[in-house]
Amino acid sequence: MAELIRSFISIDITDENLLGKITSIQSTLKETGGDLKLVEPENLHLTLRFLGEIPRSLLEEVCKEISNIKFKPFKLKFKGLGVFPSLSRINVVWVGVSEGEKEVKEVAEKVNAALRRLGFPSDKKGFSPHLTIARVKSSRGKDKIAEFVRRFNDYEVGLFTVTSIRVKKSILMPKGPQYSTIMEISAST
């Protein structure tokens, strides 16, 4: 049986200043007492497309197709907190994108077009650019989490210049996922 590799395509957050601001928000979020699993700073990324568990041979084809994507560097401004699916049923806490949304959506569409050529179906949920910072494990403290998110609804987190996209491998571990980069595609200047 073919080895399956859990994989996705992302924009990794590598700017130390931005990472510092996000970890500060995460620390304050943790103080709400909610039952949260914070995303580790080294794992913070904006997912362009989750591929799931796919055979190594298909992943190699994905890398070949994705390597042809052309895009110029662009700025993303992260602003405001939000949740999925709703404030009354919080599963994920995220930071939103207030600038660069058009550019990141264009890159995501190029990724999806490349994947469609390989037979991947279109993403039914559509693409909503966000940066997951925490996952909620139970209903404990959800009211305080919702209050925190409302309070930081307009909070300016920071700017980040996107200079590459990455094909990533994800290994699920008891302490949380371990990500490694399979391939990086740099922006053309």
N, C-alpha and C. Protein backbone atom coordinates (compact mmCIF):
# COMPACT_ATOMS: atom_id res chain seq x y z
N MET A 1 0.84 -1.20 0.00
CA MET A 1 0.00 0.00 0.00
C MET A 1 0.88 1.25 0.00
N ALA A 2 0.48 2.25 -0.76
CA ALA A 2 1.25 3.49 -0.89
C ALA A 2 1.24 4.27 0.42
N GLU A 3 2.40 4.85 0.73
CA GLU A 3 2.51 5.70 1.92
C GLU A 3 1.70 6.97 1.70
N LEU A 4 0.86 7.32 2.69
CA LEU A 4 0.06 8.54 2.60
C LEU A 4 0.73 9.64 3.42
N ILE A 5 0.78 10.82 2.86
CA ILE A 5 1.41 11.95 3.53
C ILE A 5 0.38 13.06 3.71
N ARG A 6 0.16 13.43 4.98
CA ARG A 6 -0.75 14.52 5.30
C ARG A 6 -0.05 15.82 4.91
N SER A 7 -0.67 16.60 4.03
CA SER A 7 0.04 17.77 3.51
C SER A 7 -0.90 18.94 3.24
N PHE A 8 -0.27 20.11 3.10
CA PHE A 8 -1.01 21.34 2.81
C PHE A 8 -0.07 22.34 2.16
N ILE A 9 -0.64 23.42 1.64
CA ILE A 9 0.14 24.48 1.01
C ILE A 9 -0.14 25.75 1.80
N SER A 10 0.93 26.46 2.17
CA SER A 10 0.74 27.58 3.10
C SER A 10 1.69 28.74 2.85
N ILE A 11 1.37 29.82 3.55
CA ILE A 11 2.28 30.95 3.72
C ILE A 11 2.68 30.90 5.19
N ASP A 12 3.95 30.61 5.44
CA ASP A 12 4.42 30.52 6.82
C ASP A 12 4.75 31.91 7.35
N ILE A 13 4.44 32.12 8.62
CA ILE A 13 4.74 33.39 9.28
C ILE A 13 6.14 33.27 9.88
N THR A 14 7.08 34.04 9.32
CA THR A 14 8.48 33.92 9.74
C THR A 14 9.03 35.21 10.35
N ASP A 15 8.26 36.29 10.29
CA ASP A 15 8.72 37.58 10.81
C ASP A 15 8.68 37.56 12.34
N GLU A 16 9.84 37.75 12.97
CA GLU A 16 9.95 37.66 14.43
C GLU A 16 9.08 38.68 15.15
N ASN A 17 9.01 39.90 14.62
CA ASN A 17 8.20 40.95 15.24
C ASN A 17 6.72 40.56 15.25
N LEU A 18 6.23 40.09 14.11
CA LEU A 18 4.83 39.65 14.01
C LEU A 18 4.58 38.44 14.90
N LEU A 19 5.51 37.50 14.91
CA LEU A 19 5.36 36.31 15.78
C LEU A 19 5.28 36.73 17.25
N GLY A 20 6.08 37.73 17.63
CA GLY A 20 6.05 38.22 19.01
C GLY A 20 4.69 38.80 19.37
N LYS A 21 4.11 39.57 18.45
CA LYS A 21 2.78 40.15 18.71
C LYS A 21 1.72 39.07 18.81
N ILE A 22 1.81 38.06 17.95
CA ILE A 22 0.82 36.98 17.97
C ILE A 22 0.94 36.16 19.25
N THR A 23 2.17 35.85 19.67
CA THR A 23 2.33 35.07 20.91
C THR A 23 1.87 35.87 22.12
N SER A 24 2.01 37.19 22.06
CA SER A 24 1.50 38.04 23.14
C SER A 24 -0.03 37.95 23.21
N ILE A 25 -0.69 38.00 22.05
CA ILE A 25 -2.15 37.84 22.00
C ILE A 25 -2.53 36.47 22.54
N GLN A 26 -1.79 35.43 22.13
CA GLN A 26 -2.08 34.07 22.59
C GLN A 26 -1.97 33.96 24.11
N SER A 27 -0.95 34.59 24.68
CA SER A 27 -0.77 34.55 26.14
C SER A 27 -1.95 35.18 26.85
N THR A 28 -2.40 36.33 26.34
CA THR A 28 -3.55 37.01 26.94
C THR A 28 -4.81 36.18 26.75
N LEU A 29 -4.95 35.55 25.60
CA LEU A 29 -6.09 34.67 25.33
C LEU A 29 -6.12 33.50 26.31
N LYS A 30 -4.95 32.94 26.58
CA LYS A 30 -4.84 31.81 27.51
C LYS A 30 -5.31 32.22 28.91
N GLU A 31 -5.08 33.49 29.27
CA GLU A 31 -5.47 33.99 30.60
C GLU A 31 -6.99 34.03 30.79
N THR A 32 -7.77 33.86 29.72
CA THR A 32 -9.23 33.83 29.87
C THR A 32 -9.68 32.59 30.63
N GLY A 33 -8.80 31.59 30.71
CA GLY A 33 -9.16 30.34 31.38
C GLY A 33 -9.89 29.37 30.48
N GLY A 34 -10.03 29.72 29.21
CA GLY A 34 -10.68 28.83 28.26
C GLY A 34 -9.85 27.58 28.02
N ASP A 35 -10.51 26.51 27.62
CA ASP A 35 -9.84 25.24 27.34
C ASP A 35 -9.28 25.29 25.92
N LEU A 36 -8.05 25.82 25.80
CA LEU A 36 -7.46 26.11 24.50
C LEU A 36 -6.20 25.30 24.24
N LYS A 37 -5.93 25.06 22.97
CA LYS A 37 -4.63 24.55 22.52
C LYS A 37 -4.10 25.62 21.59
N LEU A 38 -3.06 26.33 22.05
CA LEU A 38 -2.47 27.40 21.24
C LEU A 38 -1.62 26.80 20.13
N VAL A 39 -1.62 27.45 18.98
CA VAL A 39 -0.75 27.04 17.87
C VAL A 39 0.66 27.50 18.21
N GLU A 40 1.62 26.58 18.13
CA GLU A 40 3.01 26.91 18.43
C GLU A 40 3.51 27.96 17.44
N PRO A 41 4.36 28.91 17.91
CA PRO A 41 4.84 29.98 17.02
C PRO A 41 5.46 29.45 15.72
N GLU A 42 6.22 28.35 15.82
CA GLU A 42 6.86 27.80 14.61
C GLU A 42 5.86 27.16 13.64
N ASN A 43 4.63 26.96 14.11
CA ASN A 43 3.59 26.36 13.26
C ASN A 43 2.59 27.38 12.71
N LEU A 44 2.77 28.66 13.03
CA LEU A 44 1.82 29.67 12.57
C LEU A 44 1.94 29.85 11.05
N HIS A 45 0.81 29.70 10.37
CA HIS A 45 0.79 29.80 8.92
C HIS A 45 -0.61 30.16 8.45
N LEU A 46 -0.68 30.62 7.24
CA LEU A 46 -1.95 30.88 6.58
C LEU A 46 -2.11 29.77 5.53
N THR A 47 -3.09 28.90 5.71
CA THR A 47 -3.29 27.78 4.80
C THR A 47 -3.91 28.26 3.49
N LEU A 48 -3.23 27.96 2.40
CA LEU A 48 -3.79 28.26 1.08
C LEU A 48 -4.68 27.11 0.62
N ARG A 49 -4.27 25.87 0.96
CA ARG A 49 -5.10 24.70 0.63
C ARG A 49 -4.62 23.49 1.42
N PHE A 50 -5.54 22.85 2.11
CA PHE A 50 -5.25 21.60 2.82
C PHE A 50 -5.47 20.47 1.83
N LEU A 51 -4.50 19.58 1.71
CA LEU A 51 -4.58 18.48 0.75
C LEU A 51 -5.05 17.18 1.39
N GLY A 52 -4.87 17.06 2.70
CA GLY A 52 -5.22 15.82 3.38
C GLY A 52 -4.11 14.79 3.21
N GLU A 53 -4.46 13.53 3.40
CA GLU A 53 -3.48 12.45 3.26
C GLU A 53 -3.49 11.97 1.82
N ILE A 54 -2.36 12.18 1.15
CA ILE A 54 -2.26 11.80 -0.26
C ILE A 54 -1.02 10.93 -0.48
N PRO A 55 -1.03 10.09 -1.52
CA PRO A 55 0.14 9.25 -1.81
C PRO A 55 1.36 10.11 -2.17
N ARG A 56 2.54 9.60 -1.84
CA ARG A 56 3.79 10.31 -2.13
C ARG A 56 3.89 10.67 -3.62
N SER A 57 3.48 9.75 -4.49
CA SER A 57 3.57 10.00 -5.94
C SER A 57 2.73 11.22 -6.34
N LEU A 58 1.55 11.35 -5.74
CA LEU A 58 0.69 12.51 -6.04
C LEU A 58 1.29 13.78 -5.46
N LEU A 59 1.89 13.67 -4.27
CA LEU A 59 2.53 14.84 -3.65
C LEU A 59 3.67 15.34 -4.54
N GLU A 60 4.41 14.43 -5.16
CA GLU A 60 5.48 14.82 -6.08
C GLU A 60 4.91 15.57 -7.28
N GLU A 61 3.77 15.11 -7.79
CA GLU A 61 3.11 15.80 -8.90
C GLU A 61 2.62 17.18 -8.47
N VAL A 62 2.09 17.27 -7.24
CA VAL A 62 1.65 18.56 -6.69
C VAL A 62 2.83 19.53 -6.66
N CYS A 63 3.97 19.07 -6.16
CA CYS A 63 5.15 19.93 -6.08
C CYS A 63 5.57 20.42 -7.47
N LYS A 64 5.52 19.53 -8.45
CA LYS A 64 5.89 19.89 -9.82
C LYS A 64 4.95 20.99 -10.35
N GLU A 65 3.65 20.80 -10.15
CA GLU A 65 2.63 21.76 -10.63
C GLU A 65 2.76 23.09 -9.89
N ILE A 66 2.89 23.04 -8.58
CA ILE A 66 2.95 24.25 -7.74
C ILE A 66 4.22 25.05 -8.05
N SER A 67 5.29 24.37 -8.42
CA SER A 67 6.56 25.07 -8.69
C SER A 67 6.45 26.03 -9.87
N ASN A 68 5.43 25.87 -10.70
CA ASN A 68 5.23 26.76 -11.86
C ASN A 68 4.45 28.03 -11.52
N ILE A 69 3.95 28.13 -10.30
CA ILE A 69 3.16 29.30 -9.91
C ILE A 69 4.05 30.53 -9.82
N LYS A 70 3.59 31.61 -10.43
CA LYS A 70 4.32 32.88 -10.40
C LYS A 70 3.50 33.91 -9.62
N PHE A 71 4.17 34.61 -8.72
CA PHE A 71 3.54 35.71 -7.99
C PHE A 71 4.62 36.67 -7.52
N LYS A 72 4.22 37.90 -7.31
CA LYS A 72 5.15 38.92 -6.83
C LYS A 72 5.02 39.03 -5.31
N PRO A 73 6.07 39.47 -4.61
CA PRO A 73 5.94 39.67 -3.16
C PRO A 73 4.80 40.65 -2.88
N PHE A 74 4.10 40.42 -1.79
CA PHE A 74 3.02 41.33 -1.40
C PHE A 74 2.92 41.38 0.11
N LYS A 75 2.27 42.45 0.58
CA LYS A 75 2.13 42.65 2.03
C LYS A 75 0.77 42.15 2.50
N LEU A 76 0.79 41.50 3.65
CA LEU A 76 -0.44 41.11 4.34
C LEU A 76 -0.49 41.88 5.64
N LYS A 77 -1.62 42.50 5.92
CA LYS A 77 -1.81 43.18 7.20
C LYS A 77 -2.79 42.34 8.00
N PHE A 78 -2.35 41.92 9.17
CA PHE A 78 -3.19 41.12 10.05
C PHE A 78 -3.87 42.03 11.06
N LYS A 79 -5.19 41.90 11.13
CA LYS A 79 -5.96 42.79 12.01
C LYS A 79 -7.22 42.08 12.48
N GLY A 80 -7.48 42.19 13.76
CA GLY A 80 -8.73 41.70 14.33
C GLY A 80 -8.75 40.20 14.58
N LEU A 81 -9.46 39.82 15.64
CA LEU A 81 -9.64 38.41 15.95
C LEU A 81 -11.03 37.98 15.52
N GLY A 82 -11.16 36.71 15.21
CA GLY A 82 -12.44 36.12 14.86
C GLY A 82 -12.44 34.66 15.25
N VAL A 83 -13.56 34.00 14.99
CA VAL A 83 -13.70 32.59 15.36
C VAL A 83 -14.41 31.82 14.25
N PHE A 84 -14.21 30.52 14.25
CA PHE A 84 -14.99 29.59 13.44
C PHE A 84 -15.65 28.61 14.39
N PRO A 85 -16.88 28.17 14.21
CA PRO A 85 -17.80 28.67 13.18
C PRO A 85 -18.55 29.92 13.62
N SER A 86 -18.75 30.12 14.95
CA SER A 86 -19.48 31.30 15.43
C SER A 86 -19.12 31.57 16.89
N LEU A 87 -19.46 32.77 17.37
CA LEU A 87 -19.17 33.11 18.77
C LEU A 87 -19.94 32.23 19.76
N SER A 88 -21.06 31.67 19.33
CA SER A 88 -21.82 30.80 20.23
C SER A 88 -21.29 29.36 20.22
N ARG A 89 -20.47 29.03 19.24
CA ARG A 89 -19.91 27.67 19.15
C ARG A 89 -18.47 27.76 18.64
N ILE A 90 -17.57 28.20 19.47
CA ILE A 90 -16.19 28.47 19.06
C ILE A 90 -15.37 27.18 18.99
N ASN A 91 -14.76 26.94 17.83
CA ASN A 91 -13.82 25.83 17.67
C ASN A 91 -12.40 26.33 17.41
N VAL A 92 -12.31 27.47 16.70
CA VAL A 92 -11.02 28.01 16.29
C VAL A 92 -11.02 29.52 16.53
N VAL A 93 -9.90 30.04 17.05
CA VAL A 93 -9.70 31.49 17.18
C VAL A 93 -8.64 31.86 16.15
N TRP A 94 -8.92 32.91 15.37
CA TRP A 94 -7.99 33.31 14.32
C TRP A 94 -7.77 34.82 14.28
N VAL A 95 -6.69 35.19 13.58
CA VAL A 95 -6.39 36.59 13.28
C VAL A 95 -6.75 36.80 11.81
N GLY A 96 -7.44 37.90 11.52
CA GLY A 96 -7.90 38.18 10.17
C GLY A 96 -6.89 38.94 9.33
N VAL A 97 -7.19 39.05 8.05
CA VAL A 97 -6.37 39.79 7.09
C VAL A 97 -7.15 41.02 6.67
N SER A 98 -6.55 42.23 6.84
CA SER A 98 -7.26 43.45 6.46
C SER A 98 -6.69 44.11 5.21
N GLU A 99 -5.46 43.77 4.85
CA GLU A 99 -4.86 44.27 3.60
C GLU A 99 -4.11 43.13 2.95
N GLY A 100 -4.12 43.12 1.62
CA GLY A 100 -3.45 42.05 0.88
C GLY A 100 -4.37 40.89 0.60
N GLU A 101 -5.65 41.06 0.95
CA GLU A 101 -6.62 39.98 0.75
C GLU A 101 -6.75 39.61 -0.73
N LYS A 102 -6.80 40.62 -1.58
CA LYS A 102 -6.93 40.38 -3.03
C LYS A 102 -5.73 39.55 -3.53
N GLU A 103 -4.53 39.95 -3.13
CA GLU A 103 -3.31 39.27 -3.58
C GLU A 103 -3.25 37.84 -3.07
N VAL A 104 -3.58 37.63 -1.80
CA VAL A 104 -3.51 36.27 -1.25
C VAL A 104 -4.57 35.38 -1.88
N LYS A 105 -5.72 35.95 -2.20
CA LYS A 105 -6.77 35.17 -2.87
C LYS A 105 -6.33 34.79 -4.29
N GLU A 106 -5.60 35.69 -4.96
CA GLU A 106 -5.09 35.37 -6.30
C GLU A 106 -4.09 34.21 -6.23
N VAL A 107 -3.21 34.23 -5.23
CA VAL A 107 -2.24 33.14 -5.07
C VAL A 107 -2.98 31.84 -4.76
N ALA A 108 -3.97 31.91 -3.87
CA ALA A 108 -4.76 30.71 -3.53
C ALA A 108 -5.47 30.17 -4.76
N GLU A 109 -5.96 31.04 -5.62
CA GLU A 109 -6.63 30.59 -6.84
C GLU A 109 -5.64 29.92 -7.80
N LYS A 110 -4.41 30.45 -7.87
CA LYS A 110 -3.38 29.81 -8.70
C LYS A 110 -3.06 28.41 -8.16
N VAL A 111 -2.99 28.29 -6.84
CA VAL A 111 -2.76 26.98 -6.21
C VAL A 111 -3.90 26.03 -6.56
N ASN A 112 -5.13 26.51 -6.41
CA ASN A 112 -6.30 25.67 -6.70
C ASN A 112 -6.38 25.28 -8.17
N ALA A 113 -6.02 26.19 -9.07
CA ALA A 113 -6.02 25.87 -10.50
C ALA A 113 -5.00 24.76 -10.79
N ALA A 114 -3.82 24.86 -10.17
CA ALA A 114 -2.79 23.83 -10.34
C ALA A 114 -3.30 22.48 -9.81
N LEU A 115 -3.98 22.50 -8.68
CA LEU A 115 -4.50 21.27 -8.08
C LEU A 115 -5.63 20.67 -8.92
N ARG A 116 -6.47 21.53 -9.50
CA ARG A 116 -7.55 21.02 -10.37
C ARG A 116 -6.98 20.29 -11.58
N ARG A 117 -5.84 20.77 -12.09
CA ARG A 117 -5.20 20.09 -13.23
C ARG A 117 -4.76 18.67 -12.86
N LEU A 118 -4.57 18.44 -11.57
CA LEU A 118 -4.17 17.11 -11.09
C LEU A 118 -5.38 16.29 -10.63
N GLY A 119 -6.58 16.84 -10.80
CA GLY A 119 -7.78 16.10 -10.44
C GLY A 119 -8.34 16.38 -9.06
N PHE A 120 -7.72 17.31 -8.32
CA PHE A 120 -8.28 17.69 -7.01
C PHE A 120 -9.58 18.45 -7.25
N PRO A 121 -10.61 18.20 -6.44
CA PRO A 121 -11.84 18.97 -6.59
C PRO A 121 -11.63 20.40 -6.09
N SER A 122 -12.50 21.30 -6.50
CA SER A 122 -12.46 22.67 -5.98
C SER A 122 -12.74 22.62 -4.49
N ASP A 123 -12.19 23.57 -3.75
CA ASP A 123 -12.43 23.66 -2.31
C ASP A 123 -13.86 24.15 -2.09
N LYS A 124 -14.72 23.28 -1.57
CA LYS A 124 -16.15 23.60 -1.40
C LYS A 124 -16.37 24.77 -0.45
N LYS A 125 -15.51 24.89 0.58
CA LYS A 125 -15.70 25.94 1.58
C LYS A 125 -15.29 27.31 1.08
N GLY A 126 -14.54 27.34 -0.01
CA GLY A 126 -14.01 28.62 -0.47
C GLY A 126 -12.81 29.01 0.37
N PHE A 127 -12.15 30.08 0.00
CA PHE A 127 -10.94 30.50 0.68
C PHE A 127 -11.22 31.75 1.50
N SER A 128 -10.97 31.66 2.79
CA SER A 128 -11.14 32.79 3.70
C SER A 128 -9.81 32.99 4.43
N PRO A 129 -8.98 33.96 3.99
CA PRO A 129 -7.64 34.09 4.57
C PRO A 129 -7.69 34.43 6.06
N HIS A 130 -7.01 33.60 6.85
CA HIS A 130 -6.94 33.79 8.30
C HIS A 130 -5.74 33.03 8.84
N LEU A 131 -5.37 33.38 10.04
CA LEU A 131 -4.23 32.77 10.72
C LEU A 131 -4.76 32.15 12.01
N THR A 132 -4.87 30.83 12.06
CA THR A 132 -5.36 30.16 13.27
C THR A 132 -4.33 30.32 14.38
N ILE A 133 -4.78 30.83 15.55
CA ILE A 133 -3.86 31.00 16.68
C ILE A 133 -4.19 30.06 17.84
N ALA A 134 -5.42 29.50 17.85
CA ALA A 134 -5.81 28.58 18.93
C ALA A 134 -6.98 27.71 18.49
N ARG A 135 -7.01 26.52 19.07
CA ARG A 135 -8.17 25.63 18.89
C ARG A 135 -8.80 25.45 20.26
N VAL A 136 -10.13 25.46 20.29
CA VAL A 136 -10.86 25.33 21.55
C VAL A 136 -11.21 23.86 21.74
N LYS A 137 -10.84 23.32 22.92
CA LYS A 137 -11.00 21.88 23.16
C LYS A 137 -12.33 21.51 23.82
N SER A 138 -12.90 22.43 24.59
CA SER A 138 -14.19 22.15 25.25
C SER A 138 -14.92 23.47 25.47
N SER A 139 -16.11 23.39 26.05
CA SER A 139 -16.90 24.61 26.26
C SER A 139 -16.45 25.41 27.48
N ARG A 140 -15.49 24.88 28.25
CA ARG A 140 -15.03 25.59 29.44
C ARG A 140 -14.44 26.96 29.06
N GLY A 141 -15.03 28.01 29.62
CA GLY A 141 -14.52 29.36 29.41
C GLY A 141 -14.84 29.98 28.05
N LYS A 142 -15.76 29.38 27.30
CA LYS A 142 -16.07 29.91 25.96
C LYS A 142 -16.63 31.33 26.02
N ASP A 143 -17.39 31.65 27.07
CA ASP A 143 -17.93 33.02 27.19
C ASP A 143 -16.80 34.04 27.31
N LYS A 144 -15.79 33.70 28.10
CA LYS A 144 -14.65 34.61 28.27
C LYS A 144 -13.82 34.71 26.98
N ILE A 145 -13.73 33.59 26.26
CA ILE A 145 -13.02 33.61 24.96
C ILE A 145 -13.78 34.53 24.00
N ALA A 146 -15.10 34.37 23.94
CA ALA A 146 -15.94 35.20 23.05
C ALA A 146 -15.79 36.68 23.40
N GLU A 147 -15.77 36.98 24.69
CA GLU A 147 -15.60 38.37 25.16
C GLU A 147 -14.24 38.91 24.71
N PHE A 148 -13.20 38.09 24.85
CA PHE A 148 -11.84 38.47 24.45
C PHE A 148 -11.79 38.77 22.95
N VAL A 149 -12.40 37.89 22.15
CA VAL A 149 -12.42 38.06 20.69
C VAL A 149 -13.14 39.35 20.31
N ARG A 150 -14.27 39.61 20.97
CA ARG A 150 -15.01 40.86 20.70
C ARG A 150 -14.15 42.08 21.00
N ARG A 151 -13.42 42.01 22.13
CA ARG A 151 -12.59 43.13 22.56
C ARG A 151 -11.45 43.40 21.56
N PHE A 152 -10.93 42.34 20.94
CA PHE A 152 -9.81 42.49 20.01
C PHE A 152 -10.26 42.42 18.55
N ASN A 153 -11.53 42.69 18.32
CA ASN A 153 -12.12 42.62 16.99
C ASN A 153 -11.42 43.52 15.97
N ASP A 154 -10.90 44.65 16.42
CA ASP A 154 -10.28 45.63 15.53
C ASP A 154 -8.78 45.81 15.78
N TYR A 155 -8.20 44.95 16.57
CA TYR A 155 -6.80 45.08 16.99
C TYR A 155 -5.84 44.91 15.81
N GLU A 156 -4.96 45.89 15.61
CA GLU A 156 -3.96 45.82 14.54
C GLU A 156 -2.80 44.96 15.02
N VAL A 157 -2.60 43.83 14.37
CA VAL A 157 -1.57 42.88 14.79
C VAL A 157 -0.24 43.19 14.12
N GLY A 158 -0.24 43.42 12.81
CA GLY A 158 1.02 43.75 12.15
C GLY A 158 1.04 43.40 10.68
N LEU A 159 2.13 43.81 10.03
CA LEU A 159 2.35 43.60 8.60
C LEU A 159 3.34 42.47 8.37
N PHE A 160 3.19 41.80 7.24
CA PHE A 160 4.09 40.72 6.87
C PHE A 160 4.23 40.73 5.36
N THR A 161 5.46 40.68 4.87
CA THR A 161 5.68 40.60 3.42
C THR A 161 5.79 39.14 3.01
N VAL A 162 4.90 38.74 2.12
CA VAL A 162 4.89 37.36 1.63
C VAL A 162 5.91 37.26 0.50
N THR A 163 6.91 36.41 0.71
CA THR A 163 7.95 36.23 -0.31
C THR A 163 8.01 34.79 -0.81
N SER A 164 7.20 33.90 -0.20
CA SER A 164 7.20 32.51 -0.66
C SER A 164 5.93 31.79 -0.20
N ILE A 165 5.66 30.68 -0.87
CA ILE A 165 4.64 29.75 -0.40
C ILE A 165 5.33 28.40 -0.24
N ARG A 166 4.77 27.56 0.61
CA ARG A 166 5.42 26.28 0.90
C ARG A 166 4.44 25.12 0.83
N VAL A 167 4.96 24.01 0.33
CA VAL A 167 4.24 22.74 0.42
C VAL A 167 4.76 22.10 1.70
N LYS A 168 3.84 21.74 2.60
CA LYS A 168 4.21 21.27 3.93
C LYS A 168 3.71 19.85 4.18
N LYS A 169 4.44 19.16 5.02
CA LYS A 169 4.06 17.83 5.50
C LYS A 169 3.66 17.99 6.96
N SER A 170 2.61 17.31 7.36
CA SER A 170 2.12 17.41 8.74
C SER A 170 2.07 16.01 9.35
N ILE A 171 2.74 15.86 10.48
CA ILE A 171 2.67 14.60 11.23
C ILE A 171 1.96 14.91 12.54
N LEU A 172 0.84 14.22 12.78
CA LEU A 172 0.07 14.45 14.00
C LEU A 172 0.72 13.70 15.16
N MET A 173 1.03 14.45 16.21
CA MET A 173 1.67 13.90 17.41
C MET A 173 0.79 14.21 18.62
N PRO A 174 0.95 13.46 19.72
CA PRO A 174 0.13 13.74 20.92
C PRO A 174 0.23 15.19 21.41
N LYS A 175 1.43 15.80 21.30
CA LYS A 175 1.61 17.19 21.77
C LYS A 175 1.17 18.23 20.75
N GLY A 176 0.79 17.78 19.56
CA GLY A 176 0.40 18.70 18.50
C GLY A 176 1.12 18.35 17.21
N PRO A 177 0.70 18.94 16.10
CA PRO A 177 1.28 18.58 14.81
C PRO A 177 2.73 19.05 14.66
N GLN A 178 3.50 18.27 13.90
CA GLN A 178 4.85 18.67 13.53
C GLN A 178 4.83 18.93 12.03
N TYR A 179 5.27 20.13 11.64
CA TYR A 179 5.27 20.49 10.23
C TYR A 179 6.70 20.52 9.71
N SER A 180 6.87 20.11 8.47
CA SER A 180 8.16 20.26 7.81
C SER A 180 7.90 20.71 6.37
N THR A 181 8.84 21.48 5.84
CA THR A 181 8.70 22.01 4.49
C THR A 181 9.22 20.99 3.49
N ILE A 182 8.37 20.67 2.51
CA ILE A 182 8.76 19.76 1.43
C ILE A 182 9.35 20.57 0.29
N MET A 183 8.73 21.71 0.01
CA MET A 183 9.18 22.55 -1.10
C MET A 183 8.77 24.00 -0.84
N GLU A 184 9.61 24.92 -1.28
CA GLU A 184 9.30 26.35 -1.15
C GLU A 184 9.36 27.00 -2.53
N ILE A 185 8.35 27.81 -2.83
CA ILE A 185 8.29 28.54 -4.09
C ILE A 185 8.45 30.02 -3.77
N SER A 186 9.51 30.63 -4.26
CA SER A 186 9.76 32.04 -3.97
C SER A 186 9.01 32.94 -4.94
N ALA A 187 8.65 34.11 -4.44
CA ALA A 187 8.01 35.12 -5.28
C ALA A 187 9.03 35.61 -6.30
N SER A 188 8.54 36.02 -7.46
CA SER A 188 9.44 36.58 -8.48
C SER A 188 9.45 38.10 -8.33
N THR A 189 10.63 38.68 -8.38
CA THR A 189 10.74 40.13 -8.17
C THR A 189 10.79 40.90 -9.47
